[in-house]
Amino acid sequence: MELLVLILNKVELLDDVLSFYVEAGVSGATVIDSVGMGRIIATMPIFAGFRDLMVGNRPSNKTVLAVVDSAMVPGIAEGIGKIVGPLSEPGTGLLFTVPVTSIQGLGKGF
């Protein structure tokens, strides 16, 4: 099992991403409002010079957490890329997994 973490910069695509998750067999996910570090430090006086670098960046993003079977990861990654565009492009988002060695609370169906 893997913890699939998607940091979605294009928040307007969240409904599409969650619909895809359901179609792909993801049984549940948690969505968290999030803000990148650059957005926060750009408001600090000591880092005021970074404000110009933030032009065009989004003020917030969504972090989507889902525990999935390891075999599902490649297909989900491909599907996410089709929805949001290539993750290698700036401003798209970030997708990574973390191995899950123990889990409680998901019920017998997982």
C-alpha atoms as a PDB file:
ATOM      1  CA  MET A   1       0.000   0.000   0.000  1.00  0.00           C
ATOM      2  CA  GLU A   2       1.035   3.563  -0.673  1.00  0.00           C
ATOM      3  CA  LEU A   3       0.017   6.960   0.580  1.00  0.00           C
ATOM      4  CA  LEU A   4      -0.589   8.892  -2.626  1.00  0.00           C
ATOM      5  CA  VAL A   5      -0.074  12.620  -2.122  1.00  0.00           C
ATOM      6  CA  LEU A   6      -1.215  15.067  -4.785  1.00  0.00           C
ATOM      7  CA  ILE A   7      -0.511  18.751  -4.314  1.00  0.00           C
ATOM      8  CA  LEU A   8      -2.868  20.260  -6.847  1.00  0.00           C
ATOM      9  CA  ASN A   9      -2.077  23.800  -7.919  1.00  0.00           C
ATOM     10  CA  LYS A  10      -4.968  24.017 -10.379  1.00  0.00           C
ATOM     11  CA  VAL A  11      -7.685  23.881  -7.715  1.00  0.00           C
ATOM     12  CA  GLU A  12     -10.397  24.326 -10.340  1.00  0.00           C
ATOM     13  CA  LEU A  13      -9.607  20.742 -11.430  1.00  0.00           C
ATOM     14  CA  LEU A  14     -10.282  19.205  -8.003  1.00  0.00           C
ATOM     15  CA  ASP A  15     -13.719  17.851  -8.971  1.00  0.00           C
ATOM     16  CA  ASP A  16     -12.227  16.212 -12.063  1.00  0.00           C
ATOM     17  CA  VAL A  17      -9.424  14.666  -9.999  1.00  0.00           C
ATOM     18  CA  LEU A  18     -11.814  13.279  -7.375  1.00  0.00           C
ATOM     19  CA  SER A  19     -14.129  11.903 -10.073  1.00  0.00           C
ATOM     20  CA  PHE A  20     -11.145  10.189 -11.650  1.00  0.00           C
ATOM     21  CA  TYR A  21     -10.139   8.733  -8.279  1.00  0.00           C
ATOM     22  CA  VAL A  22     -13.600   7.166  -7.923  1.00  0.00           C
ATOM     23  CA  GLU A  23     -13.425   5.744 -11.471  1.00  0.00           C
ATOM     24  CA  ALA A  24      -9.919   4.391 -10.764  1.00  0.00           C
ATOM     25  CA  GLY A  25     -11.143   2.543  -7.673  1.00  0.00           C
ATOM     26  CA  VAL A  26      -9.791   4.826  -4.960  1.00  0.00           C
ATOM     27  CA  SER A  27     -12.111   4.171  -2.031  1.00  0.00           C
ATOM     28  CA  GLY A  28     -11.540   7.469  -0.243  1.00  0.00           C
ATOM     29  CA  ALA A  29      -9.352  10.535  -0.041  1.00  0.00           C
ATOM     30  CA  THR A  30      -8.801  13.487   2.254  1.00  0.00           C
ATOM     31  CA  VAL A  31      -8.594  16.978   0.757  1.00  0.00           C
ATOM     32  CA  ILE A  32      -6.695  19.667   2.658  1.00  0.00           C
ATOM     33  CA  ASP A  33      -6.459  23.368   1.813  1.00  0.00           C
ATOM     34  CA  SER A  34      -2.765  24.213   1.583  1.00  0.00           C
ATOM     35  CA  VAL A  35      -0.373  27.048   0.777  1.00  0.00           C
ATOM     36  CA  GLY A  36       3.170  26.777  -0.528  1.00  0.00           C
ATOM     37  CA  MET A  37       6.095  28.074   1.470  1.00  0.00           C
ATOM     38  CA  GLY A  38       6.959  30.637  -1.196  1.00  0.00           C
ATOM     39  CA  ARG A  39       3.566  32.290  -0.814  1.00  0.00           C
ATOM     40  CA  ILE A  40       4.096  32.691   2.931  1.00  0.00           C
ATOM     41  CA  ILE A  41       7.677  33.932   2.921  1.00  0.00           C
ATOM     42  CA  ALA A  42       6.859  36.464   0.207  1.00  0.00           C
ATOM     43  CA  THR A  43       4.702  38.263   2.793  1.00  0.00           C
ATOM     44  CA  MET A  44       7.488  38.420   5.368  1.00  0.00           C
ATOM     45  CA  PRO A  45       9.436  41.699   5.351  1.00  0.00           C
ATOM     46  CA  ILE A  46      12.825  39.957   5.319  1.00  0.00           C
ATOM     47  CA  PHE A  47      11.852  38.151   2.089  1.00  0.00           C
ATOM     48  CA  ALA A  48       9.979  41.052   0.453  1.00  0.00           C
ATOM     49  CA  GLY A  49      12.262  40.801  -2.580  1.00  0.00           C
ATOM     50  CA  PHE A  50      10.671  37.459  -3.454  1.00  0.00           C
ATOM     51  CA  ARG A  51       7.272  39.054  -4.139  1.00  0.00           C
ATOM     52  CA  ASP A  52       8.218  39.655  -7.764  1.00  0.00           C
ATOM     53  CA  LEU A  53       8.964  35.948  -8.170  1.00  0.00           C
ATOM     54  CA  MET A  54       5.436  35.116  -7.024  1.00  0.00           C
ATOM     55  CA  VAL A  55       3.714  36.863  -9.939  1.00  0.00           C
ATOM     56  CA  GLY A  56       1.387  34.359 -11.593  1.00  0.00           C
ATOM     57  CA  ASN A  57       1.601  31.853  -8.769  1.00  0.00           C
ATOM     58  CA  ARG A  58      -1.630  30.681  -7.239  1.00  0.00           C
ATOM     59  CA  PRO A  59      -2.511  31.866  -3.751  1.00  0.00           C
ATOM     60  CA  SER A  60      -3.415  28.379  -2.541  1.00  0.00           C
ATOM     61  CA  ASN A  61      -3.635  24.760  -3.564  1.00  0.00           C
ATOM     62  CA  LYS A  62      -5.263  21.524  -2.470  1.00  0.00           C
ATOM     63  CA  THR A  63      -3.449  18.557  -1.024  1.00  0.00           C
ATOM     64  CA  VAL A  64      -5.212  15.255  -1.708  1.00  0.00           C
ATOM     65  CA  LEU A  65      -4.225  12.227   0.383  1.00  0.00           C
ATOM     66  CA  ALA A  66      -5.301   8.692  -0.509  1.00  0.00           C
ATOM     67  CA  VAL A  67      -4.135   5.255   0.564  1.00  0.00           C
ATOM     68  CA  VAL A  68      -4.054   2.997  -2.485  1.00  0.00           C
ATOM     69  CA  ASP A  69      -2.786  -0.394  -3.521  1.00  0.00           C
ATOM     70  CA  SER A  70       0.750  -0.078  -4.899  1.00  0.00           C
ATOM     71  CA  ALA A  71      -0.331  -1.575  -8.231  1.00  0.00           C
ATOM     72  CA  MET A  72      -2.761   1.321  -8.759  1.00  0.00           C
ATOM     73  CA  VAL A  73      -0.111   4.059  -8.589  1.00  0.00           C
ATOM     74  CA  PRO A  74       1.098   4.049 -12.235  1.00  0.00           C
ATOM     75  CA  GLY A  75      -2.451   4.239 -13.617  1.00  0.00           C
ATOM     76  CA  ILE A  76      -3.445   6.967 -11.206  1.00  0.00           C
ATOM     77  CA  ALA A  77      -0.318   8.962 -12.025  1.00  0.00           C
ATOM     78  CA  GLU A  78      -1.071   8.677 -15.742  1.00  0.00           C
ATOM     79  CA  GLY A  79      -4.690   9.732 -15.232  1.00  0.00           C
ATOM     80  CA  ILE A  80      -3.700  12.720 -13.096  1.00  0.00           C
ATOM     81  CA  GLY A  81      -1.305  13.817 -15.829  1.00  0.00           C
ATOM     82  CA  LYS A  82      -4.127  13.708 -18.369  1.00  0.00           C
ATOM     83  CA  ILE A  83      -6.303  15.897 -16.142  1.00  0.00           C
ATOM     84  CA  VAL A  84      -3.842  18.527 -14.916  1.00  0.00           C
ATOM     85  CA  GLY A  85      -1.225  18.341 -17.642  1.00  0.00           C
ATOM     86  CA  PRO A  86       2.375  17.191 -17.360  1.00  0.00           C
ATOM     87  CA  LEU A  87       3.519  17.396 -13.752  1.00  0.00           C
ATOM     88  CA  SER A  88       6.963  18.292 -15.070  1.00  0.00           C
ATOM     89  CA  GLU A  89       5.542  21.708 -16.030  1.00  0.00           C
ATOM     90  CA  PRO A  90       5.803  24.484 -13.433  1.00  0.00           C
ATOM     91  CA  GLY A  91       2.617  25.423 -11.598  1.00  0.00           C
ATOM     92  CA  THR A  92       0.877  22.111 -12.273  1.00  0.00           C
ATOM     93  CA  GLY A  93       1.376  20.269  -9.020  1.00  0.00           C
ATOM     94  CA  LEU A  94       3.310  17.524  -7.354  1.00  0.00           C
ATOM     95  CA  LEU A  95       2.530  13.825  -7.008  1.00  0.00           C
ATOM     96  CA  PHE A  96       4.442  11.416  -4.802  1.00  0.00           C
ATOM     97  CA  THR A  97       3.903   8.276  -2.762  1.00  0.00           C
ATOM     98  CA  VAL A  98       5.058   7.103   0.631  1.00  0.00           C
ATOM     99  CA  PRO A  99       5.030   3.420   1.585  1.00  0.00           C
ATOM    100  CA  VAL A 100       2.356   2.494   4.137  1.00  0.00           C
ATOM    101  CA  THR A 101       3.533  -0.314   6.393  1.00  0.00           C
ATOM    102  CA  SER A 102       0.645  -0.278   8.831  1.00  0.00           C
ATOM    103  CA  ILE A 103      -2.901   1.059   8.731  1.00  0.00           C
ATOM    104  CA  GLN A 104      -5.937   0.955  10.965  1.00  0.00           C
ATOM    105  CA  GLY A 105      -9.408   2.317  10.480  1.00  0.00           C
ATOM    106  CA  LEU A 106     -10.085   1.540   6.814  1.00  0.00           C
ATOM    107  CA  GLY A 107     -12.289  -1.459   7.490  1.00  0.00           C
ATOM    108  CA  LYS A 108     -12.138  -4.961   6.074  1.00  0.00           C
ATOM    109  CA  GLY A 109     -12.587  -3.988   2.427  1.00  0.00           C
ATOM    110  CA  PHE A 110      -9.123  -2.547   2.020  1.00  0.00           C
END
